[in-house]
N, C-alpha and C. Protein backbone atom coordinates (compact mmCIF):
# COMPACT_ATOMS: atom_id res chain seq x y z
N MET A 1 -3.81 49.21 17.10
CA MET A 1 -4.72 48.88 16.01
C MET A 1 -6.14 49.19 16.41
N LYS A 2 -6.85 49.93 15.61
CA LYS A 2 -8.24 50.29 15.89
C LYS A 2 -9.16 49.30 15.19
N GLN A 3 -10.00 48.62 15.95
CA GLN A 3 -10.95 47.68 15.36
C GLN A 3 -12.24 48.44 15.05
N ASP A 4 -12.33 48.94 13.84
CA ASP A 4 -13.43 49.81 13.45
C ASP A 4 -14.28 49.09 12.41
N TYR A 5 -15.29 48.37 12.87
CA TYR A 5 -16.15 47.62 11.98
C TYR A 5 -17.53 48.27 11.93
N PRO A 6 -18.25 48.10 10.82
CA PRO A 6 -19.64 48.57 10.78
C PRO A 6 -20.50 47.73 11.70
N PHE A 7 -21.57 48.30 12.21
CA PHE A 7 -22.48 47.55 13.05
C PHE A 7 -23.43 46.73 12.16
N LEU A 8 -23.63 45.49 12.53
CA LEU A 8 -24.49 44.58 11.79
C LEU A 8 -25.65 44.13 12.66
N ILE A 9 -26.80 43.96 12.05
CA ILE A 9 -27.95 43.41 12.75
C ILE A 9 -28.36 42.12 12.05
N SER A 10 -28.37 41.03 12.81
CA SER A 10 -28.75 39.72 12.29
C SER A 10 -30.10 39.33 12.89
N ALA A 11 -31.05 39.03 12.03
CA ALA A 11 -32.40 38.70 12.48
C ALA A 11 -32.50 37.21 12.78
N SER A 12 -32.81 36.89 14.03
CA SER A 12 -32.93 35.49 14.45
C SER A 12 -34.33 34.98 14.19
N ILE A 13 -34.45 34.02 13.27
CA ILE A 13 -35.78 33.52 12.89
C ILE A 13 -36.39 32.62 13.95
N LEU A 14 -35.66 32.36 15.04
CA LEU A 14 -36.26 31.60 16.13
C LEU A 14 -37.50 32.31 16.65
N ALA A 15 -37.54 33.63 16.50
CA ALA A 15 -38.67 34.43 16.98
C ALA A 15 -39.70 34.71 15.88
N ALA A 16 -39.45 34.24 14.66
CA ALA A 16 -40.36 34.51 13.55
C ALA A 16 -41.62 33.65 13.64
N ASP A 17 -42.65 34.07 12.94
CA ASP A 17 -43.87 33.30 12.82
C ASP A 17 -43.70 32.34 11.65
N PHE A 18 -43.50 31.06 11.94
CA PHE A 18 -43.16 30.10 10.90
C PHE A 18 -44.32 29.80 9.96
N ARG A 19 -45.50 30.25 10.30
CA ARG A 19 -46.61 30.12 9.37
C ARG A 19 -46.38 31.00 8.14
N TYR A 20 -45.62 32.07 8.34
CA TYR A 20 -45.36 33.04 7.28
C TYR A 20 -43.87 33.30 7.16
N LEU A 21 -43.07 32.23 7.21
CA LEU A 21 -41.62 32.39 7.27
C LEU A 21 -41.08 33.20 6.10
N GLU A 22 -41.53 32.91 4.90
CA GLU A 22 -41.02 33.64 3.74
C GLU A 22 -41.33 35.13 3.86
N LYS A 23 -42.55 35.46 4.23
CA LYS A 23 -42.92 36.85 4.38
C LYS A 23 -42.11 37.53 5.47
N GLU A 24 -41.90 36.83 6.59
CA GLU A 24 -41.16 37.40 7.71
C GLU A 24 -39.71 37.70 7.31
N ILE A 25 -39.09 36.76 6.61
CA ILE A 25 -37.70 36.95 6.20
C ILE A 25 -37.60 38.07 5.17
N LYS A 26 -38.50 38.09 4.21
CA LYS A 26 -38.45 39.13 3.18
C LYS A 26 -38.71 40.52 3.78
N THR A 27 -39.58 40.58 4.78
CA THR A 27 -39.83 41.86 5.43
C THR A 27 -38.60 42.32 6.20
N ALA A 28 -37.94 41.39 6.89
CA ALA A 28 -36.71 41.73 7.61
C ALA A 28 -35.62 42.18 6.63
N GLU A 29 -35.56 41.53 5.48
CA GLU A 29 -34.59 41.92 4.46
C GLU A 29 -34.88 43.33 3.96
N SER A 30 -36.16 43.61 3.71
CA SER A 30 -36.55 44.95 3.25
C SER A 30 -36.26 46.01 4.31
N ALA A 31 -36.32 45.60 5.57
CA ALA A 31 -36.07 46.53 6.68
C ALA A 31 -34.59 46.84 6.83
N GLY A 32 -33.74 46.07 6.16
CA GLY A 32 -32.31 46.37 6.17
C GLY A 32 -31.45 45.55 7.10
N VAL A 33 -31.93 44.36 7.52
CA VAL A 33 -31.05 43.52 8.34
C VAL A 33 -29.89 43.03 7.48
N ASP A 34 -28.81 42.68 8.14
CA ASP A 34 -27.60 42.30 7.42
C ASP A 34 -27.46 40.81 7.20
N ALA A 35 -28.17 40.02 8.00
CA ALA A 35 -28.07 38.57 7.89
C ALA A 35 -29.28 37.92 8.54
N ILE A 36 -29.50 36.66 8.20
CA ILE A 36 -30.53 35.84 8.84
C ILE A 36 -29.82 34.83 9.73
N HIS A 37 -30.19 34.83 11.00
CA HIS A 37 -29.55 33.98 11.99
C HIS A 37 -30.43 32.77 12.27
N VAL A 38 -29.83 31.57 12.19
CA VAL A 38 -30.58 30.33 12.39
C VAL A 38 -30.00 29.59 13.60
N ASP A 39 -30.83 29.43 14.63
CA ASP A 39 -30.41 28.73 15.84
C ASP A 39 -30.77 27.25 15.74
N VAL A 40 -29.77 26.40 15.80
CA VAL A 40 -29.96 24.96 15.67
C VAL A 40 -29.75 24.32 17.04
N MET A 41 -30.79 23.65 17.56
CA MET A 41 -30.74 23.04 18.90
C MET A 41 -31.18 21.58 18.80
N ASP A 42 -30.52 20.73 19.59
CA ASP A 42 -30.78 19.29 19.48
C ASP A 42 -31.49 18.68 20.68
N GLY A 43 -31.82 19.50 21.68
CA GLY A 43 -32.47 18.96 22.87
C GLY A 43 -31.53 18.23 23.81
N VAL A 44 -30.24 18.21 23.49
CA VAL A 44 -29.24 17.55 24.33
C VAL A 44 -28.23 18.58 24.83
N PHE A 45 -27.59 19.27 23.89
CA PHE A 45 -26.64 20.31 24.29
C PHE A 45 -27.36 21.45 25.01
N VAL A 46 -28.56 21.74 24.55
CA VAL A 46 -29.45 22.71 25.21
C VAL A 46 -30.83 22.07 25.35
N PRO A 47 -31.63 22.52 26.32
CA PRO A 47 -32.92 21.87 26.57
C PRO A 47 -34.03 22.32 25.64
N ASN A 48 -33.79 22.25 24.35
CA ASN A 48 -34.81 22.62 23.39
C ASN A 48 -34.44 22.01 22.04
N ILE A 49 -35.41 21.84 21.18
CA ILE A 49 -35.18 21.32 19.84
C ILE A 49 -35.70 22.35 18.85
N SER A 50 -34.92 22.67 17.84
CA SER A 50 -35.38 23.68 16.89
C SER A 50 -35.22 23.23 15.45
N MET A 51 -34.29 23.84 14.73
CA MET A 51 -34.21 23.69 13.28
C MET A 51 -33.00 22.88 12.84
N GLY A 52 -33.05 22.45 11.57
CA GLY A 52 -31.94 21.70 11.01
C GLY A 52 -31.59 22.20 9.62
N PRO A 53 -30.83 21.43 8.86
CA PRO A 53 -30.39 21.85 7.52
C PRO A 53 -31.54 22.20 6.58
N LEU A 54 -32.70 21.54 6.74
CA LEU A 54 -33.82 21.81 5.85
C LEU A 54 -34.29 23.26 5.96
N ILE A 55 -34.30 23.80 7.18
CA ILE A 55 -34.69 25.20 7.35
C ILE A 55 -33.66 26.13 6.71
N VAL A 56 -32.39 25.80 6.85
CA VAL A 56 -31.35 26.60 6.21
C VAL A 56 -31.52 26.58 4.70
N GLU A 57 -31.80 25.41 4.17
CA GLU A 57 -32.03 25.28 2.73
C GLU A 57 -33.24 26.12 2.29
N THR A 58 -34.28 26.11 3.11
CA THR A 58 -35.47 26.90 2.81
C THR A 58 -35.16 28.38 2.83
N CYS A 59 -34.42 28.82 3.84
CA CYS A 59 -34.04 30.23 3.92
C CYS A 59 -33.20 30.64 2.72
N ARG A 60 -32.34 29.74 2.27
CA ARG A 60 -31.49 30.06 1.12
C ARG A 60 -32.33 30.32 -0.12
N LYS A 61 -33.46 29.64 -0.25
CA LYS A 61 -34.35 29.84 -1.39
C LYS A 61 -35.12 31.15 -1.28
N ILE A 62 -35.27 31.64 -0.05
CA ILE A 62 -36.06 32.83 0.19
C ILE A 62 -35.26 34.11 0.03
N THR A 63 -34.00 34.09 0.47
CA THR A 63 -33.22 35.32 0.55
C THR A 63 -31.78 35.12 0.07
N SER A 64 -31.20 36.22 -0.38
CA SER A 64 -29.78 36.21 -0.75
C SER A 64 -28.91 36.74 0.38
N LEU A 65 -29.54 37.14 1.50
CA LEU A 65 -28.77 37.61 2.65
C LEU A 65 -27.89 36.49 3.19
N PRO A 66 -26.78 36.83 3.82
CA PRO A 66 -25.96 35.81 4.46
C PRO A 66 -26.76 35.02 5.49
N LEU A 67 -26.56 33.71 5.53
CA LEU A 67 -27.21 32.85 6.50
C LEU A 67 -26.18 32.46 7.57
N ASP A 68 -26.47 32.87 8.78
CA ASP A 68 -25.57 32.69 9.91
C ASP A 68 -26.14 31.59 10.81
N VAL A 69 -25.48 30.44 10.84
CA VAL A 69 -26.00 29.25 11.54
C VAL A 69 -25.24 29.05 12.85
N HIS A 70 -25.99 29.00 13.94
CA HIS A 70 -25.44 28.82 15.28
C HIS A 70 -25.79 27.41 15.74
N LEU A 71 -24.78 26.56 15.86
CA LEU A 71 -24.99 25.16 16.24
C LEU A 71 -24.91 24.98 17.75
N MET A 72 -26.05 24.71 18.36
CA MET A 72 -26.12 24.37 19.78
C MET A 72 -26.45 22.89 19.88
N ILE A 73 -25.48 22.08 19.46
CA ILE A 73 -25.69 20.63 19.38
C ILE A 73 -24.43 19.91 19.81
N ILE A 74 -24.60 18.65 20.21
CA ILE A 74 -23.43 17.84 20.53
C ILE A 74 -22.81 17.33 19.22
N ASN A 75 -21.52 17.13 19.24
CA ASN A 75 -20.78 16.65 18.07
C ASN A 75 -21.09 17.47 16.81
N PRO A 76 -20.96 18.78 16.87
CA PRO A 76 -21.30 19.61 15.70
C PRO A 76 -20.45 19.28 14.48
N GLU A 77 -19.25 18.73 14.71
CA GLU A 77 -18.36 18.43 13.59
C GLU A 77 -18.98 17.44 12.60
N LYS A 78 -19.94 16.66 13.06
CA LYS A 78 -20.58 15.66 12.19
C LYS A 78 -21.55 16.29 11.20
N TYR A 79 -21.94 17.53 11.44
CA TYR A 79 -23.01 18.13 10.65
C TYR A 79 -22.58 19.38 9.88
N LEU A 80 -21.31 19.71 9.94
CA LEU A 80 -20.83 20.93 9.29
C LEU A 80 -21.07 20.91 7.79
N THR A 81 -20.78 19.79 7.16
CA THR A 81 -20.95 19.69 5.71
C THR A 81 -22.42 19.82 5.32
N SER A 82 -23.31 19.24 6.13
CA SER A 82 -24.74 19.30 5.84
C SER A 82 -25.23 20.74 5.83
N PHE A 83 -24.78 21.53 6.80
CA PHE A 83 -25.23 22.91 6.87
C PHE A 83 -24.58 23.77 5.79
N GLN A 84 -23.33 23.48 5.47
CA GLN A 84 -22.68 24.21 4.39
C GLN A 84 -23.38 23.92 3.07
N ASN A 85 -23.71 22.66 2.83
CA ASN A 85 -24.40 22.30 1.59
C ASN A 85 -25.80 22.89 1.53
N ALA A 86 -26.40 23.12 2.69
CA ALA A 86 -27.75 23.68 2.73
C ALA A 86 -27.76 25.18 2.41
N GLY A 87 -26.58 25.81 2.48
CA GLY A 87 -26.50 27.21 2.10
C GLY A 87 -25.98 28.15 3.16
N ALA A 88 -25.44 27.62 4.25
CA ALA A 88 -24.91 28.48 5.31
C ALA A 88 -23.71 29.28 4.80
N ASP A 89 -23.65 30.54 5.20
CA ASP A 89 -22.49 31.37 4.89
C ASP A 89 -21.52 31.46 6.05
N SER A 90 -22.04 31.32 7.26
CA SER A 90 -21.21 31.27 8.45
C SER A 90 -21.79 30.24 9.41
N ILE A 91 -20.91 29.57 10.13
CA ILE A 91 -21.32 28.52 11.07
C ILE A 91 -20.54 28.73 12.36
N SER A 92 -21.25 28.79 13.47
CA SER A 92 -20.57 28.95 14.76
C SER A 92 -20.79 27.73 15.63
N ILE A 93 -19.75 27.36 16.37
CA ILE A 93 -19.78 26.19 17.25
C ILE A 93 -19.37 26.61 18.65
N HIS A 94 -19.84 25.87 19.63
CA HIS A 94 -19.53 26.18 21.02
C HIS A 94 -18.19 25.60 21.45
N ILE A 95 -17.57 26.31 22.40
CA ILE A 95 -16.34 25.83 23.02
C ILE A 95 -16.64 24.75 24.06
N GLU A 96 -17.84 24.82 24.66
CA GLU A 96 -18.20 23.91 25.75
C GLU A 96 -18.42 22.48 25.23
N ASP A 97 -17.87 21.52 25.99
CA ASP A 97 -18.06 20.08 25.69
C ASP A 97 -17.68 19.75 24.25
N ASN A 98 -16.60 20.35 23.79
CA ASN A 98 -16.18 20.16 22.41
C ASN A 98 -14.69 19.87 22.39
N LYS A 99 -14.34 18.65 22.02
CA LYS A 99 -12.94 18.23 22.03
C LYS A 99 -12.24 18.45 20.69
N VAL A 100 -12.97 18.88 19.69
CA VAL A 100 -12.36 19.07 18.37
C VAL A 100 -12.66 20.47 17.84
N VAL A 101 -12.52 21.46 18.71
CA VAL A 101 -12.83 22.84 18.34
C VAL A 101 -11.97 23.31 17.18
N GLY A 102 -10.66 23.16 17.32
CA GLY A 102 -9.75 23.64 16.28
C GLY A 102 -10.00 22.99 14.94
N GLU A 103 -10.14 21.67 14.95
CA GLU A 103 -10.39 20.95 13.70
C GLU A 103 -11.70 21.38 13.06
N SER A 104 -12.71 21.63 13.89
CA SER A 104 -14.01 22.03 13.37
C SER A 104 -13.96 23.42 12.75
N LEU A 105 -13.28 24.35 13.41
CA LEU A 105 -13.15 25.70 12.85
C LEU A 105 -12.43 25.66 11.51
N GLU A 106 -11.40 24.86 11.42
CA GLU A 106 -10.68 24.72 10.16
C GLU A 106 -11.57 24.13 9.07
N LYS A 107 -12.37 23.13 9.44
CA LYS A 107 -13.24 22.48 8.48
C LYS A 107 -14.30 23.44 7.96
N ILE A 108 -14.82 24.28 8.84
CA ILE A 108 -15.81 25.28 8.43
C ILE A 108 -15.22 26.22 7.39
N LYS A 109 -14.01 26.68 7.65
CA LYS A 109 -13.37 27.62 6.73
C LYS A 109 -12.99 26.95 5.41
N GLN A 110 -12.56 25.71 5.49
CA GLN A 110 -12.21 24.97 4.27
C GLN A 110 -13.43 24.78 3.37
N ALA A 111 -14.61 24.76 3.99
CA ALA A 111 -15.85 24.60 3.23
C ALA A 111 -16.31 25.92 2.62
N GLY A 112 -15.58 26.99 2.92
CA GLY A 112 -15.92 28.29 2.34
C GLY A 112 -16.84 29.13 3.18
N CYS A 113 -17.03 28.76 4.45
CA CYS A 113 -17.89 29.52 5.36
C CYS A 113 -17.04 30.28 6.38
N ARG A 114 -17.61 31.33 6.94
CA ARG A 114 -16.97 31.99 8.07
C ARG A 114 -17.16 31.13 9.30
N ALA A 115 -16.13 31.07 10.13
CA ALA A 115 -16.15 30.19 11.30
C ALA A 115 -16.29 31.01 12.57
N GLY A 116 -17.29 30.66 13.37
CA GLY A 116 -17.53 31.36 14.62
C GLY A 116 -17.30 30.47 15.83
N LEU A 117 -16.83 31.07 16.90
CA LEU A 117 -16.60 30.37 18.16
C LEU A 117 -17.51 30.98 19.21
N VAL A 118 -18.29 30.13 19.88
CA VAL A 118 -19.31 30.60 20.81
C VAL A 118 -18.95 30.23 22.24
N LEU A 119 -19.23 31.16 23.17
CA LEU A 119 -19.07 30.82 24.58
C LEU A 119 -20.30 31.26 25.36
N ASN A 120 -20.71 30.40 26.29
CA ASN A 120 -21.86 30.65 27.14
C ASN A 120 -21.54 31.67 28.22
N PRO A 121 -22.57 32.23 28.87
CA PRO A 121 -22.34 33.26 29.89
C PRO A 121 -21.39 32.85 31.00
N GLU A 122 -21.44 31.58 31.40
CA GLU A 122 -20.61 31.15 32.52
C GLU A 122 -19.20 30.72 32.11
N THR A 123 -18.92 30.71 30.81
CA THR A 123 -17.62 30.25 30.32
C THR A 123 -16.60 31.38 30.33
N SER A 124 -15.43 31.09 30.88
CA SER A 124 -14.37 32.08 30.97
C SER A 124 -13.78 32.37 29.59
N LEU A 125 -13.39 33.61 29.39
CA LEU A 125 -12.73 33.99 28.14
C LEU A 125 -11.43 33.22 27.93
N ASN A 126 -10.80 32.82 29.00
CA ASN A 126 -9.54 32.08 28.89
C ASN A 126 -9.71 30.76 28.14
N GLU A 127 -10.93 30.22 28.15
CA GLU A 127 -11.19 28.94 27.50
C GLU A 127 -11.01 29.00 25.98
N ILE A 128 -11.14 30.19 25.41
CA ILE A 128 -11.08 30.30 23.95
C ILE A 128 -9.73 30.80 23.44
N ASP A 129 -8.79 31.04 24.35
CA ASP A 129 -7.50 31.61 23.96
C ASP A 129 -6.81 30.83 22.85
N ASN A 130 -6.83 29.51 22.94
CA ASN A 130 -6.10 28.68 21.98
C ASN A 130 -6.73 28.67 20.59
N PHE A 131 -7.92 29.22 20.48
CA PHE A 131 -8.64 29.13 19.20
C PHE A 131 -8.97 30.48 18.59
N LEU A 132 -8.54 31.54 19.23
CA LEU A 132 -8.87 32.88 18.75
C LEU A 132 -8.33 33.15 17.35
N THR A 133 -7.16 32.65 17.06
CA THR A 133 -6.58 32.91 15.74
C THR A 133 -7.32 32.15 14.64
N LEU A 134 -8.01 31.06 14.98
CA LEU A 134 -8.71 30.26 13.98
C LEU A 134 -10.09 30.79 13.65
N ALA A 135 -10.74 31.41 14.62
CA ALA A 135 -12.12 31.87 14.43
C ALA A 135 -12.15 33.19 13.66
N ASP A 136 -13.19 33.35 12.84
CA ASP A 136 -13.42 34.61 12.13
C ASP A 136 -14.20 35.58 13.01
N TYR A 137 -15.04 35.04 13.88
CA TYR A 137 -15.82 35.86 14.79
C TYR A 137 -16.08 35.11 16.09
N ILE A 138 -16.31 35.87 17.15
CA ILE A 138 -16.59 35.31 18.47
C ILE A 138 -18.00 35.69 18.85
N LEU A 139 -18.82 34.68 19.15
CA LEU A 139 -20.19 34.92 19.59
C LEU A 139 -20.26 34.79 21.11
N VAL A 140 -20.57 35.89 21.77
CA VAL A 140 -20.73 35.90 23.22
C VAL A 140 -22.22 35.80 23.52
N MET A 141 -22.62 34.71 24.15
CA MET A 141 -24.02 34.56 24.53
C MET A 141 -24.34 35.48 25.70
N THR A 142 -25.38 36.26 25.55
CA THR A 142 -25.78 37.20 26.60
C THR A 142 -27.03 36.72 27.33
N VAL A 143 -27.43 35.48 27.04
CA VAL A 143 -28.42 34.73 27.82
C VAL A 143 -27.92 33.28 27.83
N HIS A 144 -28.55 32.45 28.64
CA HIS A 144 -28.23 31.03 28.61
C HIS A 144 -28.92 30.41 27.40
N PRO A 145 -28.18 29.75 26.51
CA PRO A 145 -28.76 29.29 25.25
C PRO A 145 -29.83 28.23 25.43
N GLY A 146 -30.76 28.21 24.50
CA GLY A 146 -31.80 27.19 24.50
C GLY A 146 -33.18 27.72 24.21
N PHE A 147 -33.46 28.93 24.66
CA PHE A 147 -34.78 29.50 24.46
C PHE A 147 -34.68 30.98 24.12
N GLY A 148 -35.57 31.45 23.24
CA GLY A 148 -35.62 32.86 22.92
C GLY A 148 -36.41 33.62 23.97
N GLY A 149 -36.27 34.94 23.95
CA GLY A 149 -37.05 35.78 24.83
C GLY A 149 -36.55 35.90 26.26
N GLN A 150 -35.32 35.46 26.51
CA GLN A 150 -34.78 35.55 27.86
C GLN A 150 -34.27 36.96 28.17
N LYS A 151 -34.14 37.23 29.46
CA LYS A 151 -33.66 38.53 29.91
C LYS A 151 -32.15 38.63 29.71
N PHE A 152 -31.72 39.72 29.19
CA PHE A 152 -30.30 40.01 28.96
C PHE A 152 -29.51 39.97 30.27
N ILE A 153 -28.35 39.32 30.24
CA ILE A 153 -27.47 39.22 31.41
C ILE A 153 -26.52 40.43 31.41
N GLU A 154 -26.72 41.32 32.36
CA GLU A 154 -25.99 42.60 32.38
C GLU A 154 -24.48 42.42 32.47
N GLU A 155 -24.05 41.36 33.16
CA GLU A 155 -22.60 41.13 33.32
C GLU A 155 -21.90 40.88 31.99
N SER A 156 -22.69 40.59 30.97
CA SER A 156 -22.11 40.31 29.65
C SER A 156 -21.36 41.52 29.09
N ILE A 157 -21.78 42.70 29.47
CA ILE A 157 -21.14 43.91 28.95
C ILE A 157 -19.67 43.96 29.34
N HIS A 158 -19.39 43.65 30.60
CA HIS A 158 -17.99 43.65 31.05
C HIS A 158 -17.20 42.56 30.34
N LYS A 159 -17.83 41.42 30.12
CA LYS A 159 -17.16 40.31 29.43
C LYS A 159 -16.77 40.72 28.00
N ILE A 160 -17.66 41.43 27.34
CA ILE A 160 -17.38 41.88 25.98
C ILE A 160 -16.26 42.91 25.98
N GLN A 161 -16.24 43.79 26.97
CA GLN A 161 -15.16 44.75 27.10
C GLN A 161 -13.81 44.03 27.23
N LEU A 162 -13.78 43.00 28.05
CA LEU A 162 -12.55 42.23 28.25
C LEU A 162 -12.13 41.53 26.96
N LEU A 163 -13.10 40.97 26.24
CA LEU A 163 -12.79 40.29 24.98
C LEU A 163 -12.25 41.28 23.96
N ALA A 164 -12.90 42.44 23.85
CA ALA A 164 -12.43 43.46 22.90
C ALA A 164 -11.01 43.89 23.24
N GLY A 165 -10.72 44.03 24.53
CA GLY A 165 -9.37 44.40 24.96
C GLY A 165 -8.36 43.33 24.63
N LYS A 166 -8.76 42.08 24.83
CA LYS A 166 -7.86 40.97 24.53
C LYS A 166 -7.55 40.91 23.04
N LEU A 167 -8.56 41.04 22.20
CA LEU A 167 -8.34 41.01 20.76
C LEU A 167 -7.43 42.14 20.32
N LEU A 168 -7.61 43.30 20.92
CA LEU A 168 -6.78 44.45 20.59
C LEU A 168 -5.33 44.22 21.01
N SER A 169 -5.14 43.68 22.20
CA SER A 169 -3.78 43.44 22.70
C SER A 169 -3.08 42.35 21.92
N TRP A 170 -3.85 41.42 21.40
CA TRP A 170 -3.29 40.34 20.59
C TRP A 170 -3.17 40.72 19.11
N ASP A 171 -3.62 41.93 18.78
CA ASP A 171 -3.60 42.41 17.40
C ASP A 171 -4.38 41.48 16.47
N LEU A 172 -5.57 41.09 16.91
CA LEU A 172 -6.43 40.22 16.13
C LEU A 172 -7.68 40.97 15.69
N GLU A 173 -7.95 40.94 14.40
CA GLU A 173 -9.16 41.58 13.88
C GLU A 173 -10.26 40.53 13.78
N LYS A 174 -11.12 40.51 14.77
CA LYS A 174 -12.22 39.56 14.83
C LYS A 174 -13.52 40.30 15.14
N THR A 175 -14.60 39.88 14.50
CA THR A 175 -15.90 40.43 14.81
C THR A 175 -16.42 39.85 16.12
N ILE A 176 -16.97 40.69 16.97
CA ILE A 176 -17.62 40.22 18.20
C ILE A 176 -19.12 40.26 17.96
N GLN A 177 -19.73 39.09 18.02
CA GLN A 177 -21.17 38.97 17.86
C GLN A 177 -21.81 38.72 19.23
N VAL A 178 -23.00 39.25 19.44
CA VAL A 178 -23.72 39.04 20.69
C VAL A 178 -25.12 38.53 20.39
N ASP A 179 -25.62 37.67 21.26
CA ASP A 179 -26.91 37.04 21.02
C ASP A 179 -27.60 36.78 22.35
N GLY A 180 -28.82 37.32 22.49
CA GLY A 180 -29.63 37.04 23.68
C GLY A 180 -30.15 38.29 24.35
N GLY A 181 -31.44 38.52 24.24
CA GLY A 181 -32.05 39.66 24.91
C GLY A 181 -31.63 41.00 24.36
N ILE A 182 -31.19 41.06 23.10
CA ILE A 182 -30.73 42.31 22.51
C ILE A 182 -31.93 43.19 22.19
N ASN A 183 -31.89 44.43 22.68
CA ASN A 183 -32.98 45.37 22.42
C ASN A 183 -32.46 46.80 22.41
N THR A 184 -33.37 47.75 22.29
CA THR A 184 -32.96 49.15 22.20
C THR A 184 -32.36 49.68 23.49
N GLU A 185 -32.60 49.01 24.59
CA GLU A 185 -32.10 49.47 25.88
C GLU A 185 -30.64 49.09 26.12
N ASN A 186 -30.17 48.04 25.46
CA ASN A 186 -28.79 47.60 25.74
C ASN A 186 -27.88 47.61 24.51
N ILE A 187 -28.43 47.79 23.31
CA ILE A 187 -27.60 47.65 22.11
C ILE A 187 -26.51 48.72 22.04
N SER A 188 -26.79 49.93 22.51
CA SER A 188 -25.78 50.98 22.48
C SER A 188 -24.63 50.67 23.44
N ASP A 189 -24.97 50.20 24.64
CA ASP A 189 -23.92 49.83 25.61
C ASP A 189 -23.06 48.69 25.07
N LEU A 190 -23.69 47.75 24.40
CA LEU A 190 -22.95 46.63 23.82
C LEU A 190 -22.01 47.11 22.72
N ALA A 191 -22.49 48.04 21.91
CA ALA A 191 -21.65 48.59 20.84
C ALA A 191 -20.45 49.34 21.43
N ASN A 192 -20.72 50.12 22.46
CA ASN A 192 -19.63 50.87 23.10
C ASN A 192 -18.64 49.95 23.79
N SER A 193 -19.08 48.74 24.13
CA SER A 193 -18.19 47.78 24.80
C SER A 193 -17.32 47.02 23.81
N GLY A 194 -17.68 47.08 22.52
CA GLY A 194 -16.85 46.42 21.51
C GLY A 194 -17.57 45.45 20.62
N ALA A 195 -18.88 45.26 20.82
CA ALA A 195 -19.64 44.34 19.96
C ALA A 195 -19.90 44.98 18.60
N HIS A 196 -19.96 44.12 17.57
CA HIS A 196 -20.14 44.62 16.20
C HIS A 196 -21.40 44.06 15.54
N ASP A 197 -21.77 42.83 15.91
CA ASP A 197 -22.86 42.12 15.23
C ASP A 197 -23.90 41.73 16.28
N PHE A 198 -25.14 42.20 16.09
CA PHE A 198 -26.18 42.04 17.10
C PHE A 198 -27.27 41.12 16.59
N VAL A 199 -27.39 39.96 17.22
CA VAL A 199 -28.43 39.01 16.85
C VAL A 199 -29.68 39.35 17.64
N ALA A 200 -30.75 39.67 16.94
CA ALA A 200 -31.99 40.08 17.59
C ALA A 200 -33.15 39.25 17.06
N GLY A 201 -33.98 38.77 17.97
CA GLY A 201 -35.13 37.98 17.59
C GLY A 201 -36.43 38.66 17.92
N ASN A 202 -36.79 38.65 19.21
CA ASN A 202 -38.05 39.24 19.63
C ASN A 202 -38.15 40.73 19.32
N SER A 203 -37.03 41.44 19.45
CA SER A 203 -37.07 42.89 19.22
C SER A 203 -37.27 43.23 17.75
N ILE A 204 -37.17 42.23 16.88
CA ILE A 204 -37.47 42.43 15.46
C ILE A 204 -38.82 41.80 15.11
N PHE A 205 -38.91 40.48 15.27
CA PHE A 205 -40.09 39.77 14.79
C PHE A 205 -41.33 39.91 15.68
N LYS A 206 -41.11 40.28 16.93
CA LYS A 206 -42.25 40.46 17.83
C LYS A 206 -42.42 41.91 18.28
N HIS A 207 -41.83 42.82 17.54
CA HIS A 207 -42.01 44.23 17.88
C HIS A 207 -43.48 44.60 17.73
N PRO A 208 -44.04 45.33 18.69
CA PRO A 208 -45.48 45.64 18.65
C PRO A 208 -45.93 46.40 17.42
N LYS A 209 -45.00 47.11 16.77
CA LYS A 209 -45.35 47.87 15.57
C LYS A 209 -44.86 47.20 14.29
N GLY A 210 -44.35 45.98 14.42
CA GLY A 210 -43.95 45.24 13.24
C GLY A 210 -42.45 45.17 13.02
N ILE A 211 -42.08 44.35 12.07
CA ILE A 211 -40.66 44.07 11.79
C ILE A 211 -39.91 45.33 11.35
N LEU A 212 -40.49 46.09 10.47
CA LEU A 212 -39.82 47.29 9.97
C LEU A 212 -39.50 48.25 11.12
N ALA A 213 -40.47 48.43 12.00
CA ALA A 213 -40.27 49.32 13.15
C ALA A 213 -39.24 48.76 14.11
N GLY A 214 -39.21 47.44 14.26
CA GLY A 214 -38.24 46.82 15.15
C GLY A 214 -36.81 47.04 14.70
N VAL A 215 -36.57 46.82 13.40
CA VAL A 215 -35.22 47.03 12.87
C VAL A 215 -34.84 48.51 12.92
N LYS A 216 -35.77 49.37 12.57
CA LYS A 216 -35.52 50.81 12.58
C LYS A 216 -35.16 51.29 13.96
N SER A 217 -35.84 50.78 14.98
CA SER A 217 -35.57 51.23 16.36
C SER A 217 -34.19 50.76 16.83
N LEU A 218 -33.77 49.58 16.40
CA LEU A 218 -32.43 49.10 16.77
C LEU A 218 -31.36 49.94 16.09
N ARG A 219 -31.56 50.25 14.82
CA ARG A 219 -30.60 51.10 14.10
C ARG A 219 -30.50 52.47 14.76
N LYS A 220 -31.64 53.03 15.13
CA LYS A 220 -31.65 54.33 15.76
C LYS A 220 -30.92 54.30 17.09
N ALA A 221 -31.11 53.23 17.87
CA ALA A 221 -30.44 53.11 19.16
C ALA A 221 -28.94 52.96 19.00
N LEU A 222 -28.50 52.35 17.90
CA LEU A 222 -27.06 52.19 17.64
C LEU A 222 -26.41 53.54 17.36
N LYS A 223 -27.16 54.47 16.79
CA LYS A 223 -26.59 55.78 16.45
C LYS A 223 -26.45 56.67 17.68
């Protein structure tokens, strides 16, 4: 089975200028991004605090693009309905420190959202084996979660290759999403390794020539 998916670019608003959030999102939309990525952090699961359902609701009013919500929080199962009601189209949860992974993935899908399963750089692929059939997509963190602007972990490329091989051998059609330090220098290698969806923050919103140039350069590097 050939897993032949289009390449997607998701703009992570963690790197956006929140003084002009509407303008930043609309510019990214005009530049041709495929989704808006929202990183939710609680200061417990990761050492940072970021956004909640209110930001997702705000983004929903700004754009019709899919809203991709990444929950980096403890007990994410308690907040799935809140994010779905706020307008999330996809919700991803971590495998780490989560005793109700399967139930949560099912609940996300029952709410009408795509369900994502996330693993940190140090987490073995074997940890997600029991849940691969339930998830719609797998998010491989290519930095340690918690802060934007981190350096890409090169070993992630081999991990993605292994995941792509596993999905192929299991005859599972799942999107592989990557998040962390994605830029023009590594996006092609990631694509060749089997990744399909690239979450980019700084390389879009903090590009020296602006958002349009940032998205354009990523698309060009993918080709």
